[in-house]
Every structure is written in C-alpha cells, then in structure tokens.
Amino acid sequence: MSLTTYLSIVRLRATAKLQAFAATEPVRLRAALTSLALGVALAFPALNAGTAETIGALGAVALPILVGESTRTKVTPAK
C-alpha cells in the first residue's frame, strides 16, 4: 500500500467520524471548534485587529448556522 493510499484512507475515516460526531453531538462540536479558534488566536497573537475581527465575525456567524438548527431541533420538545 502506498503512502498516498494510506493517507487517503485515514482522511476518509476521519471525515466519516467527524460527520457522525457532528450529527450526534453538535453542541460538543461547536465547543471544540470554538476552542480550536481560541487556541489559534492564542498561538498567533500577532494578527492585526482587522484580521482578528474578521475571524471572530466568521466564527460568530458560521458556527451557530452550521450546528445551531440541528441543536435546536434536538432540544425542542416533540409536538
């Protein structure tokens, strides 16, 4: 098995696990992504204010949209 084939298999398995995790635990996924973004912000404090503001705005808008609706449907009582 070549290295590229092995890496492709690993990538596909990681993608499948991430999709399953996102479907079953959207709140934990949001927390993990937020922690990752904050970790990157701490690791690279030399970002200028404009870039940091853009990253913050994207995180504030994109994360709730990505996982908010599925989270809302899971916690809303069934009719």
N, C-alpha and C. Protein backbone atom coordinates (compact mmCIF):
# COMPACT_ATOMS: atom_id res chain seq x y z
N MET A 1 0.85 -1.16 0.00
CA MET A 1 0.00 0.00 0.00
C MET A 1 0.90 1.24 0.00
N SER A 2 0.60 2.16 -0.89
CA SER A 2 1.43 3.35 -0.98
C SER A 2 1.02 4.36 0.10
N LEU A 3 1.88 5.31 0.32
CA LEU A 3 1.64 6.32 1.35
C LEU A 3 0.41 7.16 1.00
N THR A 4 0.25 7.52 -0.26
CA THR A 4 -0.91 8.34 -0.64
C THR A 4 -2.22 7.58 -0.44
N THR A 5 -2.23 6.29 -0.71
CA THR A 5 -3.43 5.48 -0.48
C THR A 5 -3.74 5.41 1.00
N TYR A 6 -2.73 5.20 1.81
CA TYR A 6 -2.91 5.14 3.26
C TYR A 6 -3.45 6.46 3.80
N LEU A 7 -2.87 7.58 3.37
CA LEU A 7 -3.32 8.89 3.82
C LEU A 7 -4.75 9.18 3.36
N SER A 8 -5.09 8.71 2.18
CA SER A 8 -6.45 8.88 1.68
C SER A 8 -7.45 8.11 2.54
N ILE A 9 -7.09 6.89 2.92
CA ILE A 9 -7.96 6.08 3.78
C ILE A 9 -8.12 6.74 5.14
N VAL A 10 -7.03 7.24 5.70
CA VAL A 10 -7.08 7.91 7.00
C VAL A 10 -7.96 9.16 6.91
N ARG A 11 -7.83 9.92 5.84
CA ARG A 11 -8.64 11.12 5.66
C ARG A 11 -10.12 10.78 5.55
N LEU A 12 -10.46 9.74 4.80
CA LEU A 12 -11.85 9.33 4.67
C LEU A 12 -12.44 8.85 5.99
N ARG A 13 -11.66 8.09 6.75
CA ARG A 13 -12.13 7.63 8.05
C ARG A 13 -12.34 8.80 9.01
N ALA A 14 -11.42 9.75 9.01
CA ALA A 14 -11.55 10.92 9.88
C ALA A 14 -12.76 11.75 9.49
N THR A 15 -13.00 11.89 8.20
CA THR A 15 -14.16 12.64 7.73
C THR A 15 -15.45 11.97 8.15
N ALA A 16 -15.51 10.65 8.01
CA ALA A 16 -16.72 9.91 8.41
C ALA A 16 -16.96 10.03 9.91
N LYS A 17 -15.91 9.93 10.71
CA LYS A 17 -16.06 10.06 12.16
C LYS A 17 -16.49 11.47 12.54
N LEU A 18 -15.95 12.48 11.88
CA LEU A 18 -16.32 13.86 12.15
C LEU A 18 -17.78 14.11 11.79
N GLN A 19 -18.24 13.56 10.67
CA GLN A 19 -19.64 13.72 10.28
C GLN A 19 -20.57 13.04 11.27
N ALA A 20 -20.19 11.86 11.72
CA ALA A 20 -21.01 11.16 12.72
C ALA A 20 -21.03 11.94 14.03
N PHE A 21 -19.89 12.49 14.42
CA PHE A 21 -19.81 13.28 15.64
C PHE A 21 -20.66 14.54 15.52
N ALA A 22 -20.61 15.19 14.36
CA ALA A 22 -21.41 16.41 14.14
C ALA A 22 -22.90 16.11 14.17
N ALA A 23 -23.29 14.94 13.69
CA ALA A 23 -24.70 14.58 13.68
C ALA A 23 -25.21 14.22 15.07
N THR A 24 -24.37 13.62 15.89
CA THR A 24 -24.82 13.16 17.19
C THR A 24 -24.53 14.15 18.32
N GLU A 25 -23.49 14.92 18.19
CA GLU A 25 -23.07 15.85 19.26
C GLU A 25 -22.78 17.24 18.71
N PRO A 26 -23.79 17.97 18.20
CA PRO A 26 -23.50 19.28 17.60
C PRO A 26 -23.00 20.32 18.61
N VAL A 27 -23.46 20.22 19.85
CA VAL A 27 -23.03 21.20 20.86
C VAL A 27 -21.55 21.00 21.19
N ARG A 28 -21.15 19.74 21.33
CA ARG A 28 -19.73 19.47 21.60
C ARG A 28 -18.86 19.86 20.41
N LEU A 29 -19.37 19.68 19.19
CA LEU A 29 -18.61 20.09 18.01
C LEU A 29 -18.42 21.59 18.01
N ARG A 30 -19.47 22.33 18.33
CA ARG A 30 -19.34 23.79 18.39
C ARG A 30 -18.32 24.19 19.45
N ALA A 31 -18.36 23.53 20.60
CA ALA A 31 -17.40 23.84 21.65
C ALA A 31 -15.97 23.52 21.22
N ALA A 32 -15.80 22.39 20.52
CA ALA A 32 -14.46 22.01 20.04
C ALA A 32 -13.96 23.01 19.00
N LEU A 33 -14.82 23.44 18.09
CA LEU A 33 -14.40 24.40 17.07
C LEU A 33 -14.09 25.76 17.69
N THR A 34 -14.88 26.16 18.67
CA THR A 34 -14.60 27.42 19.36
C THR A 34 -13.28 27.35 20.11
N SER A 35 -13.03 26.22 20.77
CA SER A 35 -11.75 26.05 21.47
C SER A 35 -10.58 26.06 20.50
N LEU A 36 -10.77 25.44 19.35
CA LEU A 36 -9.72 25.44 18.33
C LEU A 36 -9.44 26.87 17.85
N ALA A 37 -10.49 27.63 17.60
CA ALA A 37 -10.31 29.01 17.15
C ALA A 37 -9.61 29.85 18.22
N LEU A 38 -9.99 29.66 19.48
CA LEU A 38 -9.33 30.41 20.55
C LEU A 38 -7.87 29.98 20.72
N GLY A 39 -7.60 28.69 20.53
CA GLY A 39 -6.23 28.20 20.60
C GLY A 39 -5.36 28.80 19.50
N VAL A 40 -5.92 28.89 18.31
CA VAL A 40 -5.18 29.50 17.20
C VAL A 40 -4.94 30.98 17.48
N ALA A 41 -5.94 31.64 18.05
CA ALA A 41 -5.77 33.06 18.39
C ALA A 41 -4.68 33.26 19.43
N LEU A 42 -4.57 32.32 20.37
CA LEU A 42 -3.50 32.43 21.37
C LEU A 42 -2.14 32.09 20.79
N ALA A 43 -2.12 31.15 19.84
CA ALA A 43 -0.85 30.74 19.25
C ALA A 43 -0.30 31.81 18.31
N PHE A 44 -1.18 32.57 17.69
CA PHE A 44 -0.75 33.59 16.74
C PHE A 44 -1.29 34.96 17.16
N PRO A 45 -0.75 35.53 18.24
CA PRO A 45 -1.27 36.81 18.72
C PRO A 45 -0.87 38.00 17.85
N ALA A 46 -0.04 37.77 16.85
CA ALA A 46 0.44 38.88 16.04
C ALA A 46 -0.55 39.27 14.95
N LEU A 47 -1.74 38.67 14.92
CA LEU A 47 -2.74 39.06 13.94
C LEU A 47 -3.14 40.52 14.18
N ASN A 48 -3.31 41.24 13.09
CA ASN A 48 -3.75 42.62 13.28
C ASN A 48 -5.23 42.64 13.63
N ALA A 49 -5.73 43.77 14.06
CA ALA A 49 -7.09 43.86 14.56
C ALA A 49 -8.13 43.54 13.49
N GLY A 50 -7.88 43.93 12.26
CA GLY A 50 -8.83 43.66 11.18
C GLY A 50 -8.99 42.17 10.92
N THR A 51 -7.88 41.46 10.90
CA THR A 51 -7.93 40.01 10.67
C THR A 51 -8.60 39.30 11.83
N ALA A 52 -8.27 39.69 13.04
CA ALA A 52 -8.88 39.08 14.21
C ALA A 52 -10.38 39.34 14.25
N GLU A 53 -10.78 40.54 13.86
CA GLU A 53 -12.20 40.87 13.84
C GLU A 53 -12.95 40.05 12.78
N THR A 54 -12.33 39.86 11.64
CA THR A 54 -12.93 39.04 10.58
C THR A 54 -13.09 37.60 11.03
N ILE A 55 -12.06 37.04 11.65
CA ILE A 55 -12.12 35.66 12.14
C ILE A 55 -13.20 35.53 13.21
N GLY A 56 -13.28 36.49 14.11
CA GLY A 56 -14.31 36.47 15.14
C GLY A 56 -15.71 36.57 14.56
N ALA A 57 -15.89 37.42 13.57
CA ALA A 57 -17.21 37.56 12.94
C ALA A 57 -17.60 36.28 12.22
N LEU A 58 -16.66 35.67 11.52
CA LEU A 58 -16.96 34.41 10.83
C LEU A 58 -17.34 33.33 11.83
N GLY A 59 -16.62 33.25 12.93
CA GLY A 59 -16.94 32.26 13.95
C GLY A 59 -18.29 32.51 14.60
N ALA A 60 -18.59 33.78 14.85
CA ALA A 60 -19.87 34.11 15.49
C ALA A 60 -21.05 33.83 14.58
N VAL A 61 -20.85 33.97 13.27
CA VAL A 61 -21.94 33.74 12.33
C VAL A 61 -21.99 32.30 11.86
N ALA A 62 -20.85 31.74 11.52
CA ALA A 62 -20.83 30.42 10.88
C ALA A 62 -21.14 29.28 11.84
N LEU A 63 -20.59 29.30 13.04
CA LEU A 63 -20.80 28.18 13.96
C LEU A 63 -22.26 27.97 14.33
N PRO A 64 -22.99 29.01 14.72
CA PRO A 64 -24.41 28.78 15.01
C PRO A 64 -25.21 28.31 13.80
N ILE A 65 -24.86 28.82 12.63
CA ILE A 65 -25.57 28.39 11.43
C ILE A 65 -25.28 26.92 11.13
N LEU A 66 -24.02 26.52 11.29
CA LEU A 66 -23.64 25.15 10.96
C LEU A 66 -24.29 24.13 11.87
N VAL A 67 -24.33 24.40 13.16
CA VAL A 67 -24.84 23.39 14.08
C VAL A 67 -26.03 23.85 14.91
N GLY A 68 -26.43 25.11 14.79
CA GLY A 68 -27.50 25.62 15.62
C GLY A 68 -28.85 25.02 15.33
N GLU A 69 -29.19 24.87 14.05
CA GLU A 69 -30.52 24.36 13.71
C GLU A 69 -30.70 22.91 14.14
N SER A 70 -29.69 22.10 13.94
CA SER A 70 -29.82 20.70 14.35
C SER A 70 -29.87 20.60 15.88
N THR A 71 -29.16 21.49 16.56
CA THR A 71 -29.21 21.50 18.02
C THR A 71 -30.59 21.93 18.49
N ARG A 72 -31.15 22.93 17.85
CA ARG A 72 -32.47 23.41 18.24
C ARG A 72 -33.52 22.32 18.08
N THR A 73 -33.46 21.58 17.00
CA THR A 73 -34.45 20.52 16.79
C THR A 73 -34.29 19.40 17.79
N LYS A 74 -33.08 19.17 18.28
CA LYS A 74 -32.87 18.10 19.25
C LYS A 74 -33.40 18.47 20.64
N VAL A 75 -33.36 19.74 20.99
CA VAL A 75 -33.79 20.14 22.33
C VAL A 75 -35.23 20.63 22.38
N THR A 76 -35.85 20.86 21.22
CA THR A 76 -37.24 21.28 21.17
C THR A 76 -38.13 20.07 21.43
N PRO A 77 -39.08 20.20 22.34
CA PRO A 77 -39.96 19.06 22.61
C PRO A 77 -40.77 18.67 21.38
N ALA A 78 -41.03 17.39 21.24
CA ALA A 78 -41.83 16.90 20.11
C ALA A 78 -43.28 17.31 20.33
N LYS A 79 -43.94 17.59 19.23
CA LYS A 79 -45.35 18.04 19.33
C LYS A 79 -46.28 16.85 19.29
